[in-house]
């Protein structure tokens, strides 16, 4: 049975009621006080004070001060009037019970409304923070693009100036070469004219001399030399032959590579980059860069680095909707789920990443190790140590030099031995 606190003092004005409740020797906290517009209760087990107020009050603005063994209430009236008494007089038990239950229901509804309001406010703050972050990222991206554009224009101008200089130098060389050729042609003409003059002089001599000249080697030698000079070819121009070697995507030598598996992995990666699985009609309000899974992945990575794991999950979720063939999206989202203790989702995303990281090639070794470790960690946190040890051992097969994974696997073995004993 409760012990009722009957002793209290009260006074009033037209707008407020002032109530003093002595609680000497009792430890009172705000959690011991319950107040609605018609109901006031102070519960300090086994002591109890209860009052069904004469008229409604403004419970939102009303206050209670605790100190010096007294609880001092300031209750503001909803309507300015003088009360005949503090509590409702001549009320039967059914009405008092109804007022109590109604007060509790109102308190529950008010608490629910406050919770919903806080939830909405929290979501608005989170949305505002995300929008602010995206605006900052957009401004930074625009600044970088402007710098790139300026550098591109600068390089283009320098290249055009260099081309003009090269063209001018080539033109000058061509003019100089034409002048030299013209000079050589003039010299050849002069030599030919001189030889023709000598030939005509030889024909004007005696017939004996002409016959001897015809039989001798002089005439043949003169014409053959003239023919050689006229048919002399120009020197060959110099040139440079460029040889390009086809680059390999994988670091291993071709003779040591598994060509079929590597080609399959490259084909799957290219197909994943081209795949868009989301209905873009639902996402038409997004900006162009927000429809890029790689941009969203980078955004999620930055959110994860700052500890904002929920925002990172939202970014990865949208990227997966746009392209569900990229294994790194599932791998990074699994890391976020581990931080948020969503262990079953972490296992699901790690398994999906391992499914997409096939065939196993040197280029995806690091990603496969992370997927096995994250899934194994989630299994161990769910106390499924056998499954977790299997994943850690699979990671060790890929990267046997990793000491951290080896230590964690050894700890799991000790846990399994302890549970079996």
Protein backbone atom coordinates (compact mmCIF):
# COMPACT_ATOMS: atom_id res chain seq x y z
CA UNK A 1 0.00 0.00 0.00
CA UNK A 2 1.33 3.48 -0.82
CA UNK A 3 1.84 6.13 1.84
CA UNK A 4 -0.09 9.24 0.77
CA UNK A 5 1.57 12.64 1.07
CA UNK A 6 -1.24 14.84 2.33
CA UNK A 7 0.75 17.83 3.52
CA UNK A 8 1.04 20.58 0.90
CA UNK A 9 0.56 24.33 0.49
CA UNK A 10 -0.88 26.15 -2.49
CA UNK A 11 -1.79 29.61 -3.59
CA UNK A 12 -3.02 31.05 -6.84
CA UNK A 13 -3.37 34.05 -9.08
CA UNK A 14 -5.69 34.51 -12.02
CA UNK A 15 -3.08 33.00 -14.37
CA UNK A 16 -1.04 30.53 -12.25
CA UNK A 17 -1.11 28.11 -9.30
CA UNK A 18 1.89 27.76 -6.94
CA UNK A 19 2.13 24.44 -5.06
CA UNK A 20 4.71 23.45 -2.42
CA UNK A 21 5.07 19.75 -1.56
CA UNK A 22 7.46 18.87 1.32
CA UNK A 23 9.54 15.72 0.67
CA UNK A 24 12.14 15.89 3.44
CA UNK A 25 14.51 12.95 3.61
CA UNK A 26 13.42 11.64 0.22
CA UNK A 27 15.55 11.56 -2.94
CA UNK A 28 13.53 13.12 -5.76
CA UNK A 29 14.40 13.18 -9.47
CA UNK A 30 12.41 14.50 -12.46
CA UNK A 31 11.56 10.89 -13.29
CA UNK A 32 9.41 10.74 -10.09
CA UNK A 33 7.12 13.54 -11.37
CA UNK A 34 4.28 12.99 -13.85
CA UNK A 35 2.09 15.87 -15.01
CA UNK A 36 -0.59 16.41 -17.66
CA UNK A 37 -3.16 19.16 -18.17
CA UNK A 38 -5.55 17.74 -15.50
CA UNK A 39 -3.41 15.27 -13.55
CA UNK A 40 -0.39 15.71 -11.24
CA UNK A 41 1.45 12.79 -9.65
CA UNK A 42 4.62 12.48 -7.53
CA UNK A 43 5.67 8.84 -6.94
CA UNK A 44 8.60 8.15 -4.56
CA UNK A 45 7.95 4.56 -3.45
CA UNK A 46 6.38 3.92 -1.06
CA UNK A 47 5.25 7.59 -0.92
CA UNK A 48 2.67 8.95 -3.33
CA UNK A 49 1.06 12.32 -4.04
CA UNK A 50 -1.80 12.56 -6.51
CA UNK A 51 -4.03 15.47 -7.57
CA UNK A 52 -6.86 15.69 -10.09
CA UNK A 53 -6.63 19.43 -10.86
CA UNK A 54 -9.65 21.67 -10.67
CA UNK A 55 -9.18 23.01 -14.23
CA UNK A 56 -6.79 22.38 -17.16
CA UNK A 57 -3.24 23.76 -17.05
CA UNK A 58 -0.53 24.37 -19.63
CA UNK A 59 1.66 21.35 -18.84
CA UNK A 60 4.23 22.30 -21.49
CA UNK A 61 5.21 25.61 -19.85
CA UNK A 62 4.59 24.57 -16.24
CA UNK A 63 7.71 23.90 -14.13
CA UNK A 64 8.82 21.95 -11.04
CA UNK A 65 11.86 22.91 -8.91
CA UNK A 66 13.41 20.41 -6.49
CA UNK A 67 15.51 21.65 -3.59
CA UNK A 68 15.81 21.92 0.21
CA UNK A 69 13.37 19.01 0.76
CA UNK A 70 10.57 20.76 -1.21
CA UNK A 71 9.11 20.35 -4.69
CA UNK A 72 7.82 23.75 -5.85
CA UNK A 73 5.37 23.60 -8.77
CA UNK A 74 4.44 26.57 -10.96
CA UNK A 75 1.33 25.57 -12.89
CA UNK A 76 0.08 27.99 -15.55
CA UNK A 77 -3.67 27.99 -16.14
CA UNK A 78 -5.03 27.57 -19.63
CA UNK A 79 -7.89 30.00 -18.82
CA UNK A 80 -7.44 32.94 -16.47
CA UNK A 81 -9.81 32.35 -13.54
CA UNK A 82 -9.74 31.76 -9.80
CA UNK A 83 -10.12 28.14 -8.67
CA UNK A 84 -12.37 27.15 -5.79
CA UNK A 85 -9.92 24.42 -4.78
CA UNK A 86 -6.71 22.78 -5.96
CA UNK A 87 -8.30 19.44 -6.79
CA UNK A 88 -11.61 18.46 -8.27
CA UNK A 89 -14.11 18.07 -5.43
CA UNK A 90 -17.12 15.71 -5.17
CA UNK A 91 -15.86 13.46 -8.00
CA UNK A 92 -16.78 9.78 -7.89
CA UNK A 93 -14.24 6.98 -8.30
CA UNK A 94 -15.27 6.25 -11.89
CA UNK A 95 -14.62 9.82 -13.00
CA UNK A 96 -11.30 9.93 -11.14
CA UNK A 97 -10.26 6.63 -12.78
CA UNK A 98 -11.27 7.98 -16.19
CA UNK A 99 -9.23 11.14 -15.65
CA UNK A 100 -6.19 9.09 -14.58
CA UNK A 101 -6.40 6.80 -17.61
CA UNK A 102 -7.02 9.74 -19.94
CA UNK A 103 -3.95 11.52 -18.51
CA UNK A 104 -1.77 8.43 -19.12
CA UNK A 105 -3.07 8.07 -22.69
CA UNK A 106 -2.39 11.74 -23.41
CA UNK A 107 1.11 11.40 -21.99
CA UNK A 108 1.78 8.38 -24.22
CA UNK A 109 0.44 10.18 -27.30
CA UNK A 110 2.54 13.24 -26.50
CA UNK A 111 5.67 11.11 -26.04
CA UNK A 112 4.96 9.35 -29.34
CA UNK A 113 4.51 12.68 -31.14
CA UNK A 114 7.76 13.98 -29.65
CA UNK A 115 9.56 10.80 -30.74
CA UNK A 116 8.21 11.12 -34.28
CA UNK A 117 9.13 14.81 -34.35
CA UNK A 118 12.67 13.98 -33.21
CA UNK A 119 12.90 11.26 -35.84
CA UNK A 120 11.75 13.63 -38.59
CA UNK A 121 14.14 16.32 -37.35
CA UNK A 122 17.01 13.81 -37.30
CA UNK A 123 16.23 12.70 -40.85
CA UNK A 124 16.06 16.33 -42.00
CA UNK A 125 19.41 17.05 -40.34
CA UNK A 126 20.91 13.97 -41.95
CA UNK A 127 19.50 14.97 -45.35
CA UNK A 128 20.78 18.50 -44.91
CA UNK A 129 24.23 17.23 -43.95
CA UNK A 130 24.33 14.96 -47.00
CA UNK A 131 23.18 17.76 -49.30
CA UNK A 132 25.74 20.13 -47.79
CA UNK A 133 28.49 17.54 -48.28
CA UNK A 134 27.43 16.93 -51.87
CA UNK A 135 27.38 20.69 -52.54
CA UNK A 136 30.89 21.00 -51.19
CA UNK A 137 32.00 18.07 -53.31
CA UNK A 138 30.31 19.62 -56.34
CA UNK A 139 32.07 22.94 -55.72
CA UNK A 140 35.42 21.18 -55.32
CA UNK A 141 34.83 19.14 -58.48
CA UNK A 142 33.92 22.28 -60.41
CA UNK A 143 37.03 24.04 -59.14
CA UNK A 144 39.21 21.13 -60.24
CA UNK A 145 37.50 21.02 -63.64
CA UNK A 146 38.08 24.76 -64.08
CA UNK A 147 41.77 24.30 -63.26
CA UNK A 148 41.97 21.43 -65.74
CA UNK A 149 40.24 23.52 -68.40
CA UNK A 150 42.67 26.38 -67.86
CA UNK A 151 45.64 24.03 -68.07
CA UNK A 152 44.18 22.43 -71.20
CA UNK A 153 43.74 25.82 -72.86
CA UNK A 154 47.26 26.80 -71.88
CA UNK A 155 48.74 23.58 -73.30
CA UNK A 156 46.64 23.96 -76.45
CA UNK A 157 47.96 27.47 -77.03
CA UNK A 158 51.54 26.32 -76.46
CA UNK A 159 51.01 23.41 -78.87
CA UNK A 160 49.55 25.69 -81.54
CA UNK A 161 52.47 28.10 -81.12
CA UNK A 162 54.93 25.21 -81.43
CA UNK A 163 53.14 23.98 -84.58
CA UNK A 164 53.33 27.48 -86.10
CA UNK A 165 57.05 27.62 -85.34
CA UNK A 166 57.53 24.15 -86.88
CA UNK A 167 55.55 25.15 -89.98
CA UNK A 168 57.60 28.33 -90.35
CA UNK A 169 60.85 26.37 -90.00
CA UNK A 170 59.66 23.77 -92.54
CA UNK A 171 58.63 26.53 -94.95
CA UNK A 172 62.00 28.22 -94.59
CA UNK A 173 63.81 24.91 -95.24
CA UNK A 174 61.61 24.23 -98.26
CA UNK A 175 62.31 27.67 -99.73
CA UNK A 176 66.04 27.23 -99.10
CA UNK A 177 65.99 23.78 -100.71
CA UNK A 178 64.09 25.10 -103.74
CA UNK A 179 66.66 27.86 -104.10
CA UNK A 180 69.49 25.34 -104.00
CA UNK A 181 67.77 23.11 -106.56
CA UNK A 182 67.15 26.09 -108.84
CA UNK A 183 70.83 27.04 -108.54
CA UNK A 184 71.90 23.46 -109.39
CA UNK A 185 69.57 23.43 -112.41
CA UNK A 186 71.06 26.70 -113.66
CA UNK A 187 74.56 25.30 -113.26
CA UNK A 188 73.59 22.17 -115.20
CA UNK A 189 72.13 24.33 -117.98
CA UNK A 190 75.33 26.35 -118.18
CA UNK A 191 77.47 23.19 -118.34
CA UNK A 192 75.23 21.74 -121.05
CA UNK A 193 75.46 24.95 -123.05
CA UNK A 194 79.26 24.93 -122.82
CA UNK A 195 79.42 21.30 -123.97
CA UNK A 196 77.08 22.02 -126.88
CA UNK A 197 79.34 24.91 -127.93
CA UNK A 198 82.38 22.61 -127.84
CA UNK A 199 80.53 20.02 -129.93
CA UNK A 200 79.59 22.55 -132.62
CA UNK A 201 83.20 23.73 -132.83
CA UNK A 202 84.40 20.16 -133.30
CA UNK A 203 81.96 19.61 -136.18
CA UNK A 204 83.24 22.72 -138.03
CA UNK A 205 86.80 21.21 -138.40
CA UNK A 206 88.18 19.04 -141.23
CA UNK A 207 86.49 15.85 -142.29
CA UNK A 208 89.43 13.80 -141.12
CA UNK A 209 89.24 15.31 -137.73
CA UNK A 210 85.47 14.76 -137.69
CA UNK A 211 85.89 11.12 -138.68
CA UNK A 212 88.50 10.57 -136.02
CA UNK A 213 86.32 12.20 -133.52
CA UNK A 214 83.46 9.93 -134.51
CA UNK A 215 85.59 6.81 -134.26
CA UNK A 216 87.24 7.87 -131.04
CA UNK A 217 85.82 7.87 -127.48
CA UNK A 218 85.46 11.69 -127.09
CA UNK A 219 81.89 12.04 -128.31
CA UNK A 220 80.61 8.99 -126.36
CA UNK A 221 82.27 10.19 -123.17
CA UNK A 222 80.77 13.68 -123.46
CA UNK A 223 77.16 12.48 -123.97
CA UNK A 224 77.37 9.76 -121.29
CA UNK A 225 78.60 12.27 -118.70
CA UNK A 226 75.75 14.66 -119.63
CA UNK A 227 73.22 11.82 -119.28
CA UNK A 228 74.53 10.86 -115.86
CA UNK A 229 74.28 14.41 -114.59
CA UNK A 230 70.70 14.80 -115.81
CA UNK A 231 69.50 11.44 -114.34
CA UNK A 232 71.17 11.83 -110.93
CA UNK A 233 68.44 11.12 -108.27
CA UNK A 234 67.86 13.40 -105.26
CA UNK A 235 69.14 12.22 -101.86
CA UNK A 236 66.69 10.26 -99.68
CA UNK A 237 64.95 12.08 -96.84
CA UNK A 238 65.48 10.93 -93.23
CA UNK A 239 62.55 9.49 -91.22
CA UNK A 240 61.77 7.82 -87.85
CA UNK A 241 59.99 4.50 -87.45
CA UNK A 242 57.92 4.16 -84.23
CA UNK A 243 57.34 0.72 -82.71
CA UNK A 244 54.43 0.30 -80.23
CA UNK A 245 54.20 -2.71 -77.92
CA UNK A 246 50.83 -3.99 -76.70
CA UNK A 247 50.57 -3.48 -72.93
CA UNK A 248 49.32 -6.26 -70.61
CA UNK A 249 46.68 -5.58 -67.98
CA UNK A 250 48.02 -8.23 -65.58
CA UNK A 251 51.49 -7.96 -64.01
CA UNK A 252 52.47 -11.56 -64.68
CA UNK A 253 54.39 -12.59 -67.79
CA UNK A 254 52.35 -14.05 -70.63
CA UNK A 255 54.05 -17.46 -70.37
CA UNK A 256 53.04 -17.69 -66.68
CA UNK A 257 49.48 -16.34 -67.01
CA UNK A 258 46.21 -18.18 -67.13
CA UNK A 259 45.08 -16.46 -70.30
CA UNK A 260 41.56 -17.90 -70.45
CA UNK A 261 40.72 -16.92 -66.85
CA UNK A 262 42.25 -13.46 -67.28
CA UNK A 263 40.28 -12.82 -70.45
CA UNK A 264 37.08 -13.99 -68.69
CA UNK A 265 37.76 -11.60 -65.78
CA UNK A 266 38.39 -8.66 -68.16
CA UNK A 267 35.20 -9.49 -70.06
CA UNK A 268 33.14 -9.55 -66.86
CA UNK A 269 34.66 -6.25 -65.71
CA UNK A 270 33.86 -4.56 -69.02
CA UNK A 271 30.32 -5.97 -68.95
CA UNK A 272 29.87 -4.71 -65.36
CA UNK A 273 30.96 -1.21 -66.39
CA UNK A 274 28.37 -1.20 -69.17
CA UNK A 275 25.51 -2.68 -67.10
CA UNK A 276 22.85 -0.31 -65.76
CA UNK A 277 20.22 -2.31 -63.87
CA UNK A 278 18.20 0.51 -62.22
CA UNK A 279 15.07 2.08 -63.63
CA UNK A 280 16.41 5.56 -64.38
CA UNK A 281 12.87 6.94 -64.68
CA UNK A 282 12.71 6.80 -60.86
CA UNK A 283 16.02 8.65 -60.57
CA UNK A 284 15.43 11.45 -63.07
CA UNK A 285 15.79 14.09 -60.31
CA UNK A 286 19.41 13.10 -59.71
CA UNK A 287 22.30 15.04 -61.19
CA UNK A 288 24.37 13.51 -63.96
CA UNK A 289 27.32 12.59 -61.72
CA UNK A 290 24.91 11.08 -59.14
CA UNK A 291 23.92 8.51 -61.79
CA UNK A 292 27.51 7.31 -62.04
CA UNK A 293 28.19 4.23 -59.82
CA UNK A 294 31.92 5.00 -59.64
CA UNK A 295 31.19 8.53 -58.39
CA UNK A 296 28.78 7.14 -55.77
CA UNK A 297 31.39 4.55 -54.72
CA UNK A 298 33.97 7.29 -54.13
CA UNK A 299 31.32 9.27 -52.20
CA UNK A 300 30.60 6.24 -49.99
CA UNK A 301 34.33 5.70 -49.39
CA UNK A 302 34.69 9.30 -48.15
CA UNK A 303 31.64 8.92 -45.88
CA UNK A 304 33.11 5.69 -44.46
CA UNK A 305 36.44 7.41 -43.80
CA UNK A 306 34.68 10.11 -41.76
CA UNK A 307 32.70 7.54 -39.72
CA UNK A 308 29.31 8.33 -41.31
CA UNK A 309 28.48 4.68 -42.02
CA UNK A 310 24.73 5.17 -42.64
CA UNK A 311 25.39 7.78 -45.32
CA UNK A 312 28.00 5.48 -46.87
CA UNK A 313 25.46 2.62 -46.99
CA UNK A 314 22.94 4.92 -48.70
CA UNK A 315 25.53 5.88 -51.34
CA UNK A 316 26.44 2.21 -51.96
CA UNK A 317 22.74 1.24 -52.12
CA UNK A 318 22.10 3.77 -54.91
CA UNK A 319 25.24 2.64 -56.75
CA UNK A 320 24.08 -1.01 -56.56
CA UNK A 321 20.68 0.02 -57.95
CA UNK A 322 22.47 1.61 -60.90
CA UNK A 323 24.91 -1.27 -61.44
CA UNK A 324 24.65 -4.58 -59.57
CA UNK A 325 27.65 -6.20 -61.27
CA UNK A 326 30.48 -4.30 -59.53
CA UNK A 327 31.96 -6.46 -56.71
CA UNK A 328 33.65 -3.54 -54.91
CA UNK A 329 30.23 -1.98 -54.14
CA UNK A 330 29.15 -5.09 -52.20
CA UNK A 331 32.59 -5.41 -50.59
CA UNK A 332 32.57 -1.82 -49.28
CA UNK A 333 28.95 -2.05 -48.14
CA UNK A 334 29.84 -5.19 -46.17
CA UNK A 335 32.46 -3.17 -44.27
CA UNK A 336 29.78 -0.58 -43.37
CA UNK A 337 27.40 -3.31 -42.17
CA UNK A 338 30.16 -4.68 -39.93
CA UNK A 339 30.56 -1.25 -38.33
CA UNK A 340 26.77 -0.97 -37.87
CA UNK A 341 26.51 -4.56 -36.49
CA UNK A 342 24.28 -5.65 -39.37
CA UNK A 343 26.07 -9.00 -39.42
CA UNK A 344 23.69 -10.97 -41.64
CA UNK A 345 23.78 -8.23 -44.27
CA UNK A 346 27.59 -8.17 -44.06
CA UNK A 347 27.66 -11.92 -44.78
CA UNK A 348 25.24 -11.51 -47.68
CA UNK A 349 27.24 -8.66 -49.31
CA UNK A 350 30.59 -10.47 -48.84
CA UNK A 351 29.16 -13.62 -50.46
CA UNK A 352 27.82 -11.57 -53.38
CA UNK A 353 31.24 -9.92 -53.83
CA UNK A 354 32.95 -13.35 -53.89
CA UNK A 355 30.42 -14.53 -56.46
CA UNK A 356 31.30 -11.60 -58.74
CA UNK A 357 35.07 -11.95 -58.12
CA UNK A 358 35.31 -14.95 -60.44
CA UNK A 359 37.37 -16.32 -62.06
CA UNK A 360 40.18 -15.95 -59.48
CA UNK A 361 43.04 -14.01 -61.12
CA UNK A 362 45.98 -12.01 -59.69
CA UNK A 363 44.15 -8.73 -60.34
CA UNK A 364 41.35 -9.53 -57.83
CA UNK A 365 43.40 -11.29 -55.12
CA UNK A 366 43.27 -8.35 -52.70
CA UNK A 367 39.50 -7.98 -53.06
CA UNK A 368 38.92 -11.72 -52.49
CA UNK A 369 41.04 -11.64 -49.32
CA UNK A 370 38.99 -8.72 -47.95
CA UNK A 371 35.71 -10.48 -48.79
CA UNK A 372 36.74 -13.68 -46.98
CA UNK A 373 38.01 -11.76 -43.92
CA UNK A 374 34.86 -9.61 -43.63
CA UNK A 375 32.54 -12.59 -43.97
CA UNK A 376 34.64 -14.57 -41.50
CA UNK A 377 34.52 -11.66 -39.03
CA UNK A 378 30.73 -11.50 -39.30
CA UNK A 379 30.46 -15.29 -38.72
CA UNK A 380 32.68 -15.06 -35.61
CA UNK A 381 30.63 -12.16 -34.18
CA UNK A 382 27.56 -14.38 -34.62
CA UNK A 383 29.55 -17.09 -32.71
CA UNK A 384 29.67 -19.29 -35.83
CA UNK A 385 33.39 -19.90 -35.34
CA UNK A 386 33.69 -22.94 -37.65
CA UNK A 387 32.37 -21.01 -40.67
CA UNK A 388 34.51 -18.01 -39.72
CA UNK A 389 37.66 -20.16 -39.51
CA UNK A 390 36.96 -21.59 -42.98
CA UNK A 391 36.82 -18.07 -44.46
CA UNK A 392 40.03 -17.01 -42.69
CA UNK A 393 41.83 -20.12 -43.95
CA UNK A 394 40.59 -19.37 -47.49
CA UNK A 395 42.05 -15.86 -47.16
CA UNK A 396 45.37 -17.33 -45.96
CA UNK A 397 45.55 -19.59 -49.02
CA UNK A 398 45.40 -16.48 -51.21
CA UNK A 399 47.76 -14.36 -49.06
CA UNK A 400 49.87 -16.74 -46.90
CA UNK A 401 52.28 -13.94 -45.89
CA UNK A 402 49.61 -11.90 -44.07
CA UNK A 403 50.51 -12.18 -40.37
CA UNK A 404 47.37 -10.39 -39.11
CA UNK A 405 45.05 -12.89 -40.77
CA UNK A 406 47.17 -15.77 -39.42
CA UNK A 407 46.93 -14.40 -35.85
CA UNK A 408 43.15 -13.97 -36.10
CA UNK A 409 42.76 -17.50 -37.45
CA UNK A 410 44.81 -18.85 -34.53
CA UNK A 411 42.57 -17.01 -32.04
CA UNK A 412 39.48 -18.55 -33.66
CA UNK A 413 41.03 -22.04 -33.38
CA UNK A 414 41.57 -21.49 -29.65
CA UNK A 415 37.94 -20.34 -29.28
CA UNK A 416 36.70 -23.46 -31.07
CA UNK A 417 38.85 -25.68 -28.84
CA UNK A 418 37.56 -23.89 -25.73
CA UNK A 419 33.92 -24.36 -26.70
CA UNK A 420 34.39 -28.06 -27.52
CA UNK A 421 36.10 -28.72 -24.19
